[in-house]
N, C-alpha and C. Protein backbone atom coordinates (compact mmCIF):
# COMPACT_ATOMS: atom_id res chain seq x y z
N UNK A 1 -21.01 -10.37 -22.15
CA UNK A 1 -21.51 -9.05 -21.79
C UNK A 1 -22.99 -9.03 -21.41
N UNK A 2 -23.34 -8.11 -20.62
CA UNK A 2 -24.78 -7.99 -20.21
C UNK A 2 -25.71 -7.50 -21.38
N UNK A 3 -26.88 -7.96 -21.36
CA UNK A 3 -27.89 -7.55 -22.47
C UNK A 3 -28.63 -6.30 -22.14
N UNK A 4 -29.02 -6.10 -20.83
CA UNK A 4 -29.84 -4.87 -20.62
C UNK A 4 -28.81 -3.84 -20.02
N UNK A 5 -29.55 -2.69 -19.65
CA UNK A 5 -28.73 -1.35 -19.26
C UNK A 5 -28.06 -1.65 -17.99
N UNK A 6 -28.84 -1.99 -17.01
CA UNK A 6 -28.43 -2.03 -15.69
C UNK A 6 -27.21 -2.90 -15.45
N UNK A 7 -27.23 -4.22 -15.85
CA UNK A 7 -26.05 -5.03 -15.74
C UNK A 7 -24.82 -4.50 -16.46
N UNK A 8 -25.08 -3.94 -17.63
CA UNK A 8 -23.97 -3.36 -18.46
C UNK A 8 -23.37 -2.29 -17.68
N UNK A 9 -24.02 -1.34 -17.16
CA UNK A 9 -23.61 -0.28 -16.29
C UNK A 9 -22.81 -0.77 -15.19
N UNK A 10 -23.24 -1.84 -14.49
CA UNK A 10 -22.58 -2.48 -13.30
C UNK A 10 -21.27 -2.88 -13.74
N UNK A 11 -21.22 -3.66 -14.90
CA UNK A 11 -20.04 -4.09 -15.49
C UNK A 11 -18.95 -3.07 -15.75
N UNK A 12 -19.43 -1.91 -16.34
CA UNK A 12 -18.53 -0.69 -16.58
C UNK A 12 -17.95 -0.24 -15.28
N UNK A 13 -18.84 0.00 -14.27
CA UNK A 13 -18.34 0.48 -13.03
C UNK A 13 -17.48 -0.39 -12.14
N UNK A 14 -17.75 -1.73 -12.36
CA UNK A 14 -16.92 -2.68 -11.78
C UNK A 14 -15.45 -2.65 -12.39
N UNK A 15 -15.36 -2.40 -13.68
CA UNK A 15 -14.07 -2.45 -14.32
C UNK A 15 -13.28 -1.22 -14.05
N UNK A 16 -14.05 -0.10 -13.94
CA UNK A 16 -13.26 1.16 -13.41
C UNK A 16 -12.89 1.11 -11.99
N UNK A 17 -13.55 0.44 -11.15
CA UNK A 17 -13.17 0.33 -9.78
C UNK A 17 -11.92 -0.66 -9.62
N UNK A 18 -12.02 -1.64 -10.46
CA UNK A 18 -10.85 -2.71 -10.54
C UNK A 18 -9.54 -2.06 -11.04
N UNK A 19 -9.70 -1.20 -11.93
CA UNK A 19 -8.41 -0.52 -12.53
C UNK A 19 -7.99 0.48 -11.40
N UNK A 20 -8.97 1.24 -10.87
CA UNK A 20 -8.50 2.21 -9.75
C UNK A 20 -7.83 1.46 -8.58
N UNK A 21 -8.47 0.42 -8.12
CA UNK A 21 -7.92 -0.36 -7.02
C UNK A 21 -6.48 -0.99 -7.43
N UNK A 22 -6.36 -1.41 -8.64
CA UNK A 22 -4.98 -1.90 -9.07
C UNK A 22 -3.93 -0.95 -9.04
N UNK A 23 -4.35 0.39 -9.44
CA UNK A 23 -3.30 1.46 -9.51
C UNK A 23 -3.00 1.79 -7.97
N UNK A 24 -3.91 1.80 -7.14
CA UNK A 24 -3.64 2.07 -5.71
C UNK A 24 -2.73 0.94 -5.06
N UNK A 25 -2.97 -0.26 -5.40
CA UNK A 25 -2.12 -1.30 -4.81
C UNK A 25 -0.78 -1.27 -5.36
N UNK A 26 -0.57 -1.00 -6.77
CA UNK A 26 0.63 -0.87 -7.26
C UNK A 26 1.49 0.35 -6.51
N UNK A 27 0.76 1.54 -6.49
CA UNK A 27 1.40 2.57 -5.79
C UNK A 27 1.94 2.10 -4.39
N UNK A 28 1.12 1.34 -3.69
CA UNK A 28 1.52 0.86 -2.29
C UNK A 28 2.68 0.12 -2.36
N UNK A 29 2.63 -1.04 -3.23
CA UNK A 29 3.72 -1.91 -3.42
C UNK A 29 5.14 -1.19 -3.74
N UNK A 30 4.95 -0.21 -4.66
CA UNK A 30 6.10 0.55 -5.01
C UNK A 30 6.76 1.32 -3.80
N UNK A 31 5.90 1.93 -3.09
CA UNK A 31 6.37 2.68 -1.95
C UNK A 31 7.01 1.64 -0.82
N UNK A 32 6.53 0.40 -0.71
CA UNK A 32 7.08 -0.51 0.12
C UNK A 32 8.56 -0.97 -0.37
N UNK A 33 8.56 -1.14 -1.61
CA UNK A 33 9.80 -1.53 -2.27
C UNK A 33 10.81 -0.39 -2.16
N UNK A 34 10.35 0.85 -2.20
CA UNK A 34 11.40 1.97 -2.05
C UNK A 34 11.95 1.99 -0.74
N UNK A 35 10.93 1.70 0.36
CA UNK A 35 11.37 1.62 1.78
C UNK A 35 12.44 0.52 1.93
N UNK A 36 12.15 -0.67 1.36
CA UNK A 36 13.00 -1.77 1.54
C UNK A 36 14.28 -1.58 0.99
N UNK A 37 14.33 -0.98 -0.15
CA UNK A 37 15.68 -0.61 -0.87
C UNK A 37 16.50 0.26 0.03
N UNK A 38 15.79 1.31 0.67
CA UNK A 38 16.52 2.28 1.48
C UNK A 38 17.07 1.57 2.72
N UNK A 39 16.28 0.53 3.33
CA UNK A 39 16.88 -0.17 4.31
C UNK A 39 18.06 -1.15 4.01
N UNK A 40 17.95 -1.69 2.76
CA UNK A 40 18.98 -2.46 2.29
C UNK A 40 20.36 -1.64 2.13
N UNK A 41 20.18 -0.44 1.76
CA UNK A 41 21.41 0.39 1.58
C UNK A 41 21.84 1.13 2.91
N UNK A 42 21.19 0.79 4.04
CA UNK A 42 21.40 1.29 5.32
C UNK A 42 21.40 2.79 5.35
N UNK A 43 20.34 3.51 4.53
CA UNK A 43 20.15 4.89 4.48
C UNK A 43 18.95 5.16 5.50
N UNK A 44 19.37 5.39 6.82
CA UNK A 44 18.35 5.51 7.86
C UNK A 44 17.40 6.71 7.62
N UNK A 45 17.90 7.95 7.16
CA UNK A 45 17.10 9.15 6.93
C UNK A 45 16.09 8.76 5.69
N UNK A 46 16.66 8.22 4.76
CA UNK A 46 15.70 7.88 3.51
C UNK A 46 14.68 6.83 3.93
N UNK A 47 15.14 5.86 4.58
CA UNK A 47 14.18 4.87 5.05
C UNK A 47 13.08 5.42 5.92
N UNK A 48 13.35 6.35 6.80
CA UNK A 48 12.44 6.85 7.79
C UNK A 48 11.41 7.74 6.97
N UNK A 49 11.80 8.37 5.92
CA UNK A 49 10.92 9.13 5.10
C UNK A 49 10.02 8.21 4.30
N UNK A 50 10.72 7.20 3.82
CA UNK A 50 9.93 6.13 3.03
C UNK A 50 8.93 5.41 3.89
N UNK A 51 9.27 5.14 5.11
CA UNK A 51 8.39 4.44 6.12
C UNK A 51 7.13 5.30 6.22
N UNK A 52 7.31 6.52 6.65
CA UNK A 52 6.23 7.37 6.81
C UNK A 52 5.29 7.37 5.52
N UNK A 53 5.84 7.53 4.47
CA UNK A 53 5.09 7.43 3.09
C UNK A 53 4.35 6.19 2.95
N UNK A 54 4.96 4.99 3.23
CA UNK A 54 4.48 3.77 3.02
C UNK A 54 3.25 3.52 4.09
N UNK A 55 3.43 4.00 5.33
CA UNK A 55 2.49 3.83 6.22
C UNK A 55 1.10 4.70 5.83
N UNK A 56 1.46 5.83 5.28
CA UNK A 56 0.37 6.70 5.03
C UNK A 56 -0.51 6.00 3.83
N UNK A 57 0.23 5.51 2.80
CA UNK A 57 -0.41 4.85 1.67
C UNK A 57 -1.22 3.50 2.25
N UNK A 58 -0.75 2.86 3.24
CA UNK A 58 -1.41 1.78 3.85
C UNK A 58 -2.67 2.23 4.37
N UNK A 59 -2.67 3.29 5.21
CA UNK A 59 -3.79 3.88 5.88
C UNK A 59 -4.87 4.29 4.78
N UNK A 60 -4.45 4.95 3.83
CA UNK A 60 -5.38 5.48 2.72
C UNK A 60 -6.00 4.15 1.95
N UNK A 61 -5.21 3.08 1.91
CA UNK A 61 -5.90 2.00 1.24
C UNK A 61 -6.89 1.37 2.09
N UNK A 62 -6.79 1.44 3.29
CA UNK A 62 -7.80 0.84 4.26
C UNK A 62 -9.01 1.77 4.17
N UNK A 63 -8.85 3.18 4.21
CA UNK A 63 -9.98 4.04 4.11
C UNK A 63 -10.82 3.92 2.73
N UNK A 64 -10.05 3.50 1.72
CA UNK A 64 -10.67 3.32 0.36
C UNK A 64 -11.27 2.04 0.18
N UNK A 65 -10.95 1.11 1.18
CA UNK A 65 -11.65 -0.19 1.07
C UNK A 65 -10.80 -1.31 0.18
N UNK A 66 -9.56 -0.91 -0.06
CA UNK A 66 -8.65 -1.78 -0.79
C UNK A 66 -8.07 -2.88 0.04
N UNK A 67 -7.62 -2.39 1.28
CA UNK A 67 -7.04 -3.44 2.31
C UNK A 67 -7.96 -3.59 3.44
N UNK A 68 -7.99 -4.75 4.02
CA UNK A 68 -8.65 -4.96 5.34
C UNK A 68 -7.81 -4.26 6.45
N UNK A 69 -8.43 -3.77 7.45
CA UNK A 69 -7.69 -3.08 8.47
C UNK A 69 -6.61 -3.90 9.29
N UNK A 70 -7.02 -5.19 9.41
CA UNK A 70 -6.10 -6.11 10.07
C UNK A 70 -4.80 -6.28 9.12
N UNK A 71 -5.10 -6.39 7.88
CA UNK A 71 -3.91 -6.58 6.88
C UNK A 71 -3.04 -5.43 7.00
N UNK A 72 -3.70 -4.32 7.07
CA UNK A 72 -3.03 -3.09 7.13
C UNK A 72 -2.20 -2.87 8.43
N UNK A 73 -2.74 -3.39 9.50
CA UNK A 73 -2.04 -3.33 10.87
C UNK A 73 -0.84 -4.17 10.68
N UNK A 74 -0.99 -5.28 10.15
CA UNK A 74 0.12 -6.37 9.99
C UNK A 74 1.17 -5.82 9.07
N UNK A 75 0.89 -5.11 8.01
CA UNK A 75 1.97 -4.63 7.06
C UNK A 75 2.65 -3.47 7.81
N UNK A 76 1.91 -2.58 8.46
CA UNK A 76 2.63 -1.42 9.25
C UNK A 76 3.33 -2.00 10.37
N UNK A 77 3.08 -3.01 11.11
CA UNK A 77 3.79 -3.61 12.11
C UNK A 77 5.20 -4.19 11.60
N UNK A 78 5.10 -4.85 10.42
CA UNK A 78 6.31 -5.47 9.81
C UNK A 78 7.18 -4.43 9.24
N UNK A 79 6.78 -3.48 8.75
CA UNK A 79 7.55 -2.43 8.23
C UNK A 79 8.30 -1.62 9.38
N UNK A 80 7.51 -1.40 10.45
CA UNK A 80 8.16 -0.63 11.53
C UNK A 80 9.28 -1.52 12.23
N UNK A 81 8.90 -2.81 12.38
CA UNK A 81 9.84 -3.85 12.99
C UNK A 81 11.08 -3.76 12.28
N UNK A 82 10.94 -3.77 10.93
CA UNK A 82 12.28 -3.78 10.09
C UNK A 82 12.98 -2.49 10.30
N UNK A 83 12.32 -1.41 10.35
CA UNK A 83 13.14 -0.12 10.69
C UNK A 83 13.80 -0.18 11.95
N UNK A 84 13.07 -0.67 13.03
CA UNK A 84 13.55 -0.58 14.31
C UNK A 84 14.80 -1.59 14.54
N UNK A 85 14.83 -2.67 13.70
CA UNK A 85 15.92 -3.49 13.78
C UNK A 85 17.25 -2.87 13.26
N UNK A 86 17.12 -2.15 12.07
CA UNK A 86 18.06 -1.41 11.54
C UNK A 86 18.52 -0.12 12.33
N UNK A 87 17.63 0.40 13.10
CA UNK A 87 17.87 1.70 13.76
C UNK A 87 18.05 1.48 15.18
N UNK A 88 18.80 0.42 15.58
CA UNK A 88 19.06 0.09 16.90
C UNK A 88 20.26 1.05 17.38
N UNK A 89 20.24 1.61 18.45
CA UNK A 89 21.37 2.43 18.96
C UNK A 89 22.49 1.42 19.35
N UNK A 90 23.68 1.49 18.79
CA UNK A 90 24.88 0.60 19.13
C UNK A 90 25.68 1.02 20.27
């Protein structure tokens, strides 16, 4: 642990930020899992709602600095691609 005030404060702030980022990432991962389970059960309506929610959380993660914008674009593209494969008109 740091001996003076400033590094000690920095350490506290870093820990708070780490926990906040971890919570946001967990929330995002859970949303993606809900979306993928809706896809697996062929529930198109629920999958569409889950997709919108997951994409929204990805965008929020970028604005908060948790994900890089290219990572977010890749995730959104993959999620949308999965939805389009299952939602093909037969």
